[in-house]
Amino acid sequence: MKRVLLKLSGEALAGPKKTGFDEPTVVKVAEQVKQLADDGVEIGIVIGGGNFWRGRSSENIDRTKADQIGMLATVMNCIYVSEIFRSVGLKTEVMTPFVCGAFSELFSKDKANKCFAEGKVVFFAGGTGHPYFSTDTATVLRAIEIEAEVILLAKSIDGVYDRDPKGDPDAVKFEEITIQEVIDKRLGVVDLAASILCMENHMPLLVFGLNEENSIVDAASGKSNGTRVTV
């Protein structure tokens, strides 16, 4: 693959602590991404904010404000992970859809392409910049804009199941499924807005478990045992 968009969950980066950052986990991610970058793969990254904030769990805060806090959580995540990436020898850039002073660059496709040409890993922080849109939607939107070949969706489980495998040991894993089936079966791989964006723009996904050995490299090289979501 020439260019991919990697989506990381904030919770996965928190490791066993469930909140904040687990540096050994992030270092392992950085080392895998470096391996891909050294092989010439251009990598964009979106990170969720769930290790700091889940606004929908609060009934006392206006939804718009809660979503804005979530956007800032993703900015913190991207700045931190970007620095860990730099510590293993990667060049990085953090982009946001709103001005963050000296913390980030304002997103544009042209700037992103220039960064890719310079060998940088590009972090797309801040979601879409608007409330009521999840980081799932931001992930698909950025993947379409930068013309990524696939979205690599790193999760805490190793693929797409017909039921929640954490609560049902008889849940069946799909090796391959269409995005239309994901919508029809309400499997929740990504939210509905993101699913429709994928379907309309022919953007495939590969869902895999982040915590498996060498999972990101395997996903990018087609060796993953995760679930392929086709369009």
C-alpha atoms as a PDB file:
ATOM      1  CA  MET A   1       0.000   0.000   0.000  1.00  0.00           C
ATOM      2  CA  LYS A   2       1.157   3.513  -0.766  1.00  0.00           C
ATOM      3  CA  ARG A   3      -1.031   5.557   1.602  1.00  0.00           C
ATOM      4  CA  VAL A   4      -3.196   4.487   4.549  1.00  0.00           C
ATOM      5  CA  LEU A   5      -5.246   6.131   7.283  1.00  0.00           C
ATOM      6  CA  LEU A   6      -4.760   4.509  10.689  1.00  0.00           C
ATOM      7  CA  LYS A   7      -7.455   5.031  13.323  1.00  0.00           C
ATOM      8  CA  LEU A   8      -6.414   4.418  16.925  1.00  0.00           C
ATOM      9  CA  SER A   9      -8.815   4.429  19.843  1.00  0.00           C
ATOM     10  CA  GLY A  10      -7.912   6.560  22.820  1.00  0.00           C
ATOM     11  CA  GLU A  11      -8.836   3.687  25.141  1.00  0.00           C
ATOM     12  CA  ALA A  12      -6.365   1.375  23.391  1.00  0.00           C
ATOM     13  CA  LEU A  13      -3.561   3.856  23.998  1.00  0.00           C
ATOM     14  CA  ALA A  14      -4.456   3.956  27.697  1.00  0.00           C
ATOM     15  CA  GLY A  15      -3.612   0.263  28.019  1.00  0.00           C
ATOM     16  CA  PRO A  16      -4.589  -1.452  31.274  1.00  0.00           C
ATOM     17  CA  LYS A  17      -4.914   1.900  33.075  1.00  0.00           C
ATOM     18  CA  LYS A  18      -8.051   2.660  30.977  1.00  0.00           C
ATOM     19  CA  THR A  19      -7.316   6.389  31.136  1.00  0.00           C
ATOM     20  CA  GLY A  20      -4.502   8.712  30.105  1.00  0.00           C
ATOM     21  CA  PHE A  21      -1.537   7.139  28.290  1.00  0.00           C
ATOM     22  CA  ASP A  22       0.297   3.858  28.609  1.00  0.00           C
ATOM     23  CA  GLU A  23       3.696   4.740  27.155  1.00  0.00           C
ATOM     24  CA  PRO A  24       4.890   1.172  26.417  1.00  0.00           C
ATOM     25  CA  THR A  25       1.736   0.637  24.328  1.00  0.00           C
ATOM     26  CA  VAL A  26       2.318   3.869  22.403  1.00  0.00           C
ATOM     27  CA  VAL A  27       5.988   3.033  21.826  1.00  0.00           C
ATOM     28  CA  LYS A  28       4.993  -0.316  20.299  1.00  0.00           C
ATOM     29  CA  VAL A  29       2.618   1.512  17.948  1.00  0.00           C
ATOM     30  CA  ALA A  30       5.373   3.992  17.038  1.00  0.00           C
ATOM     31  CA  GLU A  31       7.853   1.232  16.248  1.00  0.00           C
ATOM     32  CA  GLN A  32       5.381  -0.474  13.927  1.00  0.00           C
ATOM     33  CA  VAL A  33       4.505   2.775  12.163  1.00  0.00           C
ATOM     34  CA  LYS A  34       8.218   3.487  11.702  1.00  0.00           C
ATOM     35  CA  GLN A  35       8.634   0.110  10.040  1.00  0.00           C
ATOM     36  CA  LEU A  36       5.888   1.006   7.567  1.00  0.00           C
ATOM     37  CA  ALA A  37       7.270   4.498   6.981  1.00  0.00           C
ATOM     38  CA  ASP A  38      10.744   3.073   6.349  1.00  0.00           C
ATOM     39  CA  ASP A  39       9.156   0.840   3.696  1.00  0.00           C
ATOM     40  CA  GLY A  40       7.721   3.896   1.946  1.00  0.00           C
ATOM     41  CA  VAL A  41       4.121   3.790   3.189  1.00  0.00           C
ATOM     42  CA  GLU A  42       2.540   7.216   3.729  1.00  0.00           C
ATOM     43  CA  ILE A  43       0.559   7.233   6.973  1.00  0.00           C
ATOM     44  CA  GLY A  44      -2.165   9.506   8.285  1.00  0.00           C
ATOM     45  CA  ILE A  45      -3.470   8.959  11.806  1.00  0.00           C
ATOM     46  CA  VAL A  46      -6.675   9.811  13.654  1.00  0.00           C
ATOM     47  CA  ILE A  47      -6.929   9.149  17.401  1.00  0.00           C
ATOM     48  CA  GLY A  48     -10.106   9.050  19.462  1.00  0.00           C
ATOM     49  CA  GLY A  49     -10.419  10.915  22.754  1.00  0.00           C
ATOM     50  CA  GLY A  50     -12.059   8.260  24.937  1.00  0.00           C
ATOM     51  CA  ASN A  51      -9.077   7.914  27.270  1.00  0.00           C
ATOM     52  CA  PHE A  52      -9.840  11.456  28.482  1.00  0.00           C
ATOM     53  CA  TRP A  53     -13.429  12.312  27.693  1.00  0.00           C
ATOM     54  CA  ARG A  54     -16.722  10.724  26.718  1.00  0.00           C
ATOM     55  CA  GLY A  55     -19.124  13.627  26.491  1.00  0.00           C
ATOM     56  CA  ARG A  56     -22.221  11.517  25.862  1.00  0.00           C
ATOM     57  CA  SER A  57     -21.935  10.104  29.373  1.00  0.00           C
ATOM     58  CA  SER A  58     -22.675  13.515  30.874  1.00  0.00           C
ATOM     59  CA  GLU A  59     -26.235  14.776  31.025  1.00  0.00           C
ATOM     60  CA  ASN A  60     -25.299  18.103  32.612  1.00  0.00           C
ATOM     61  CA  ILE A  61     -23.262  19.627  29.777  1.00  0.00           C
ATOM     62  CA  ASP A  62     -24.552  21.055  26.526  1.00  0.00           C
ATOM     63  CA  ARG A  63     -23.859  18.588  23.689  1.00  0.00           C
ATOM     64  CA  THR A  64     -21.955  21.142  21.616  1.00  0.00           C
ATOM     65  CA  LYS A  65     -19.647  21.986  24.532  1.00  0.00           C
ATOM     66  CA  ALA A  66     -19.178  18.309  25.382  1.00  0.00           C
ATOM     67  CA  ASP A  67     -18.153  17.580  21.799  1.00  0.00           C
ATOM     68  CA  GLN A  68     -15.731  20.499  21.838  1.00  0.00           C
ATOM     69  CA  ILE A  69     -14.058  19.042  24.937  1.00  0.00           C
ATOM     70  CA  GLY A  70     -13.795  15.745  23.061  1.00  0.00           C
ATOM     71  CA  MET A  71     -12.128  17.491  20.125  1.00  0.00           C
ATOM     72  CA  LEU A  72      -9.523  18.954  22.461  1.00  0.00           C
ATOM     73  CA  ALA A  73      -8.943  15.501  23.967  1.00  0.00           C
ATOM     74  CA  THR A  74      -7.994  14.244  20.493  1.00  0.00           C
ATOM     75  CA  VAL A  75      -5.587  17.170  20.101  1.00  0.00           C
ATOM     76  CA  MET A  76      -3.851  16.224  23.368  1.00  0.00           C
ATOM     77  CA  ASN A  77      -3.640  12.614  22.220  1.00  0.00           C
ATOM     78  CA  CYS A  78      -2.141  13.524  18.860  1.00  0.00           C
ATOM     79  CA  ILE A  79       0.456  15.874  20.355  1.00  0.00           C
ATOM     80  CA  TYR A  80       1.545  13.204  22.842  1.00  0.00           C
ATOM     81  CA  VAL A  81       1.654  10.327  20.354  1.00  0.00           C
ATOM     82  CA  SER A  82       3.408  12.558  17.814  1.00  0.00           C
ATOM     83  CA  GLU A  83       6.198  13.177  20.313  1.00  0.00           C
ATOM     84  CA  ILE A  84       6.558   9.455  21.054  1.00  0.00           C
ATOM     85  CA  PHE A  85       6.779   8.867  17.302  1.00  0.00           C
ATOM     86  CA  ARG A  86       9.544  11.454  17.064  1.00  0.00           C
ATOM     87  CA  SER A  87      11.437   9.707  19.850  1.00  0.00           C
ATOM     88  CA  VAL A  88      11.759   6.596  17.652  1.00  0.00           C
ATOM     89  CA  GLY A  89      12.999   8.611  14.672  1.00  0.00           C
ATOM     90  CA  LEU A  90       9.840   9.546  12.776  1.00  0.00           C
ATOM     91  CA  LYS A  91       9.025  12.980  11.379  1.00  0.00           C
ATOM     92  CA  THR A  92       5.510  14.126  12.225  1.00  0.00           C
ATOM     93  CA  GLU A  93       2.974  16.905  11.763  1.00  0.00           C
ATOM     94  CA  VAL A  94      -0.214  17.551  13.746  1.00  0.00           C
ATOM     95  CA  MET A  95      -3.078  19.165  11.834  1.00  0.00           C
ATOM     96  CA  THR A  96      -6.392  20.462  13.150  1.00  0.00           C
ATOM     97  CA  PRO A  97      -9.513  21.861  11.424  1.00  0.00           C
ATOM     98  CA  PHE A  98      -9.399  24.887  13.752  1.00  0.00           C
ATOM     99  CA  VAL A  99      -6.614  27.214  14.860  1.00  0.00           C
ATOM    100  CA  CYS A 100      -4.618  25.952  17.873  1.00  0.00           C
ATOM    101  CA  GLY A 101      -1.918  28.600  17.888  1.00  0.00           C
ATOM    102  CA  ALA A 102       1.538  27.034  17.737  1.00  0.00           C
ATOM    103  CA  PHE A 103       0.221  23.593  18.714  1.00  0.00           C
ATOM    104  CA  SER A 104      -0.753  22.473  15.222  1.00  0.00           C
ATOM    105  CA  GLU A 105      -1.024  23.318  11.545  1.00  0.00           C
ATOM    106  CA  LEU A 106      -4.408  24.222  10.059  1.00  0.00           C
ATOM    107  CA  PHE A 107      -5.545  21.295   7.928  1.00  0.00           C
ATOM    108  CA  SER A 108      -5.615  21.430   4.164  1.00  0.00           C
ATOM    109  CA  LYS A 109      -5.202  18.642   1.644  1.00  0.00           C
ATOM    110  CA  ASP A 110      -2.325  20.477  -0.031  1.00  0.00           C
ATOM    111  CA  LYS A 111      -0.442  20.835   3.273  1.00  0.00           C
ATOM    112  CA  ALA A 112      -1.055  17.187   4.096  1.00  0.00           C
ATOM    113  CA  ASN A 113       0.250  16.060   0.717  1.00  0.00           C
ATOM    114  CA  LYS A 114       3.340  18.224   1.170  1.00  0.00           C
ATOM    115  CA  CYS A 115       3.977  16.577   4.549  1.00  0.00           C
ATOM    116  CA  PHE A 116       3.602  13.115   3.031  1.00  0.00           C
ATOM    117  CA  ALA A 117       6.079  14.066   0.299  1.00  0.00           C
ATOM    118  CA  GLU A 118       8.522  15.093   3.064  1.00  0.00           C
ATOM    119  CA  GLY A 119       8.207  11.660   4.691  1.00  0.00           C
ATOM    120  CA  LYS A 120       6.135  12.825   7.652  1.00  0.00           C
ATOM    121  CA  VAL A 121       3.452  10.916   9.509  1.00  0.00           C
ATOM    122  CA  VAL A 122       0.446  13.251   9.630  1.00  0.00           C
ATOM    123  CA  PHE A 123      -1.886  13.345  12.649  1.00  0.00           C
ATOM    124  CA  PHE A 124      -5.393  14.634  11.976  1.00  0.00           C
ATOM    125  CA  ALA A 125      -6.578  15.935  15.356  1.00  0.00           C
ATOM    126  CA  GLY A 126      -9.723  17.780  16.403  1.00  0.00           C
ATOM    127  CA  GLY A 127     -12.242  15.610  14.581  1.00  0.00           C
ATOM    128  CA  THR A 128     -14.170  17.399  11.842  1.00  0.00           C
ATOM    129  CA  GLY A 129     -14.085  20.605  13.892  1.00  0.00           C
ATOM    130  CA  HIS A 130     -17.853  20.490  14.381  1.00  0.00           C
ATOM    131  CA  PRO A 131     -20.096  19.003  17.087  1.00  0.00           C
ATOM    132  CA  TYR A 132     -22.341  16.001  16.431  1.00  0.00           C
ATOM    133  CA  PHE A 133     -19.664  14.294  14.303  1.00  0.00           C
ATOM    134  CA  SER A 134     -17.597  11.495  15.808  1.00  0.00           C
ATOM    135  CA  THR A 135     -13.951  10.652  15.229  1.00  0.00           C
ATOM    136  CA  ASP A 136     -15.286   7.774  13.088  1.00  0.00           C
ATOM    137  CA  THR A 137     -16.704  10.348  10.686  1.00  0.00           C
ATOM    138  CA  ALA A 138     -13.513  12.414  10.869  1.00  0.00           C
ATOM    139  CA  THR A 139     -11.480   9.303  10.067  1.00  0.00           C
ATOM    140  CA  VAL A 140     -13.450   8.492   6.932  1.00  0.00           C
ATOM    141  CA  LEU A 141     -13.563  12.141   5.857  1.00  0.00           C
ATOM    142  CA  ARG A 142      -9.780  12.564   6.119  1.00  0.00           C
ATOM    143  CA  ALA A 143      -9.165   9.198   4.410  1.00  0.00           C
ATOM    144  CA  ILE A 144     -11.287  10.314   1.464  1.00  0.00           C
ATOM    145  CA  GLU A 145      -9.658  13.742   1.316  1.00  0.00           C
ATOM    146  CA  ILE A 146      -6.101  12.413   1.301  1.00  0.00           C
ATOM    147  CA  GLU A 147      -7.069   9.587  -1.092  1.00  0.00           C
ATOM    148  CA  ALA A 148      -5.960   6.801   1.219  1.00  0.00           C
ATOM    149  CA  GLU A 149      -6.226   3.272  -0.140  1.00  0.00           C
ATOM    150  CA  VAL A 150      -7.749   1.862   3.033  1.00  0.00           C
ATOM    151  CA  ILE A 151      -8.663   2.741   6.606  1.00  0.00           C
ATOM    152  CA  LEU A 152      -6.868   0.571   9.161  1.00  0.00           C
ATOM    153  CA  LEU A 153      -9.198   0.482  12.156  1.00  0.00           C
ATOM    154  CA  ALA A 154      -7.274  -0.622  15.266  1.00  0.00           C
ATOM    155  CA  LYS A 155      -9.628  -1.726  18.025  1.00  0.00           C
ATOM    156  CA  SER A 156      -9.581  -3.556  21.338  1.00  0.00           C
ATOM    157  CA  ILE A 157     -11.147  -6.621  19.642  1.00  0.00           C
ATOM    158  CA  ASP A 158      -9.682  -8.434  16.652  1.00  0.00           C
ATOM    159  CA  GLY A 159     -12.381  -7.845  14.041  1.00  0.00           C
ATOM    160  CA  VAL A 160     -16.102  -7.573  13.362  1.00  0.00           C
ATOM    161  CA  TYR A 161     -18.453 -10.022  15.094  1.00  0.00           C
ATOM    162  CA  ASP A 162     -22.171 -10.704  14.752  1.00  0.00           C
ATOM    163  CA  ARG A 163     -22.526  -9.970  18.476  1.00  0.00           C
ATOM    164  CA  ASP A 164     -20.357  -8.420  21.161  1.00  0.00           C
ATOM    165  CA  PRO A 165     -17.653 -11.040  21.800  1.00  0.00           C
ATOM    166  CA  LYS A 166     -16.924  -9.568  25.222  1.00  0.00           C
ATOM    167  CA  GLY A 167     -20.415 -10.466  26.380  1.00  0.00           C
ATOM    168  CA  ASP A 168     -21.128 -13.530  24.234  1.00  0.00           C
ATOM    169  CA  PRO A 169     -18.522 -16.294  23.846  1.00  0.00           C
ATOM    170  CA  ASP A 170     -20.544 -17.709  20.937  1.00  0.00           C
ATOM    171  CA  ALA A 171     -20.187 -14.546  18.845  1.00  0.00           C
ATOM    172  CA  VAL A 172     -19.089 -15.294  15.269  1.00  0.00           C
ATOM    173  CA  LYS A 173     -16.305 -13.326  13.598  1.00  0.00           C
ATOM    174  CA  PHE A 174     -16.564 -12.196   9.984  1.00  0.00           C
ATOM    175  CA  GLU A 175     -13.515 -12.566   7.749  1.00  0.00           C
ATOM    176  CA  GLU A 176     -15.120 -10.232   5.213  1.00  0.00           C
ATOM    177  CA  ILE A 177     -18.330  -8.204   5.209  1.00  0.00           C
ATOM    178  CA  THR A 178     -19.730  -5.349   3.135  1.00  0.00           C
ATOM    179  CA  ILE A 179     -20.371  -1.923   4.574  1.00  0.00           C
ATOM    180  CA  GLN A 180     -24.029  -2.338   3.557  1.00  0.00           C
ATOM    181  CA  GLU A 181     -24.244  -5.471   5.730  1.00  0.00           C
ATOM    182  CA  VAL A 182     -22.622  -3.554   8.593  1.00  0.00           C
ATOM    183  CA  ILE A 183     -25.384  -0.950   8.282  1.00  0.00           C
ATOM    184  CA  ASP A 184     -28.210  -3.477   7.856  1.00  0.00           C
ATOM    185  CA  LYS A 185     -27.066  -5.639  10.786  1.00  0.00           C
ATOM    186  CA  ARG A 186     -26.320  -2.579  12.961  1.00  0.00           C
ATOM    187  CA  LEU A 187     -22.889  -3.955  13.818  1.00  0.00           C
ATOM    188  CA  GLY A 188     -21.507  -0.578  14.870  1.00  0.00           C
ATOM    189  CA  VAL A 189     -18.066  -0.929  13.275  1.00  0.00           C
ATOM    190  CA  VAL A 190     -18.192   2.804  12.710  1.00  0.00           C
ATOM    191  CA  ASP A 191     -21.185   5.071  13.200  1.00  0.00           C
ATOM    192  CA  LEU A 192     -23.893   5.488  10.547  1.00  0.00           C
ATOM    193  CA  ALA A 193     -22.586   8.767   9.107  1.00  0.00           C
ATOM    194  CA  ALA A 194     -19.120   7.256   8.691  1.00  0.00           C
ATOM    195  CA  SER A 195     -20.563   4.062   7.184  1.00  0.00           C
ATOM    196  CA  ILE A 196     -22.497   6.001   4.560  1.00  0.00           C
ATOM    197  CA  LEU A 197     -19.405   8.087   3.718  1.00  0.00           C
ATOM    198  CA  CYS A 198     -17.453   4.858   3.193  1.00  0.00           C
ATOM    199  CA  MET A 199     -20.170   3.398   1.005  1.00  0.00           C
ATOM    200  CA  GLU A 200     -20.655   6.477  -1.166  1.00  0.00           C
ATOM    201  CA  ASN A 201     -16.917   7.036  -1.645  1.00  0.00           C
ATOM    202  CA  HIS A 202     -15.842   3.384  -1.978  1.00  0.00           C
ATOM    203  CA  MET A 203     -13.515   3.519   1.029  1.00  0.00           C
ATOM    204  CA  PRO A 204     -12.681   0.039   2.397  1.00  0.00           C
ATOM    205  CA  LEU A 205     -11.765  -0.691   6.005  1.00  0.00           C
ATOM    206  CA  LEU A 206      -9.709  -3.338   7.752  1.00  0.00           C
ATOM    207  CA  VAL A 207     -10.703  -3.903  11.376  1.00  0.00           C
ATOM    208  CA  PHE A 208      -8.108  -5.601  13.591  1.00  0.00           C
ATOM    209  CA  GLY A 209      -6.939  -5.916  17.192  1.00  0.00           C
ATOM    210  CA  LEU A 210      -4.303  -3.359  18.153  1.00  0.00           C
ATOM    211  CA  ASN A 211      -2.883  -5.472  20.955  1.00  0.00           C
ATOM    212  CA  GLU A 212      -1.959  -8.418  18.745  1.00  0.00           C
ATOM    213  CA  GLU A 213       1.738  -8.835  17.938  1.00  0.00           C
ATOM    214  CA  ASN A 214       2.831  -6.712  14.938  1.00  0.00           C
ATOM    215  CA  SER A 215      -0.826  -6.007  14.171  1.00  0.00           C
ATOM    216  CA  ILE A 216      -0.395  -2.667  12.364  1.00  0.00           C
ATOM    217  CA  VAL A 217       2.380  -3.920  10.081  1.00  0.00           C
ATOM    218  CA  ASP A 218       0.398  -7.078   9.301  1.00  0.00           C
ATOM    219  CA  ALA A 219      -2.731  -5.046   8.538  1.00  0.00           C
ATOM    220  CA  ALA A 220      -0.878  -2.762   6.129  1.00  0.00           C
ATOM    221  CA  SER A 221       0.773  -5.711   4.375  1.00  0.00           C
ATOM    222  CA  GLY A 222      -2.423  -7.726   3.951  1.00  0.00           C
ATOM    223  CA  LYS A 223      -1.498 -10.406   6.497  1.00  0.00           C
ATOM    224  CA  SER A 224      -3.986  -9.442   9.197  1.00  0.00           C
ATOM    225  CA  ASN A 225      -6.483 -11.943  10.576  1.00  0.00           C
ATOM    226  CA  GLY A 226      -8.937  -9.098  11.151  1.00  0.00           C
ATOM    227  CA  THR A 227     -12.112  -8.344   9.201  1.00  0.00           C
ATOM    228  CA  ARG A 228     -12.138  -6.767   5.742  1.00  0.00           C
ATOM    229  CA  VAL A 229     -15.059  -4.365   5.287  1.00  0.00           C
ATOM    230  CA  THR A 230     -15.623  -3.969   1.553  1.00  0.00           C
ATOM    231  CA  VAL A 231     -17.674  -1.520  -0.465  1.00  0.00           C
END
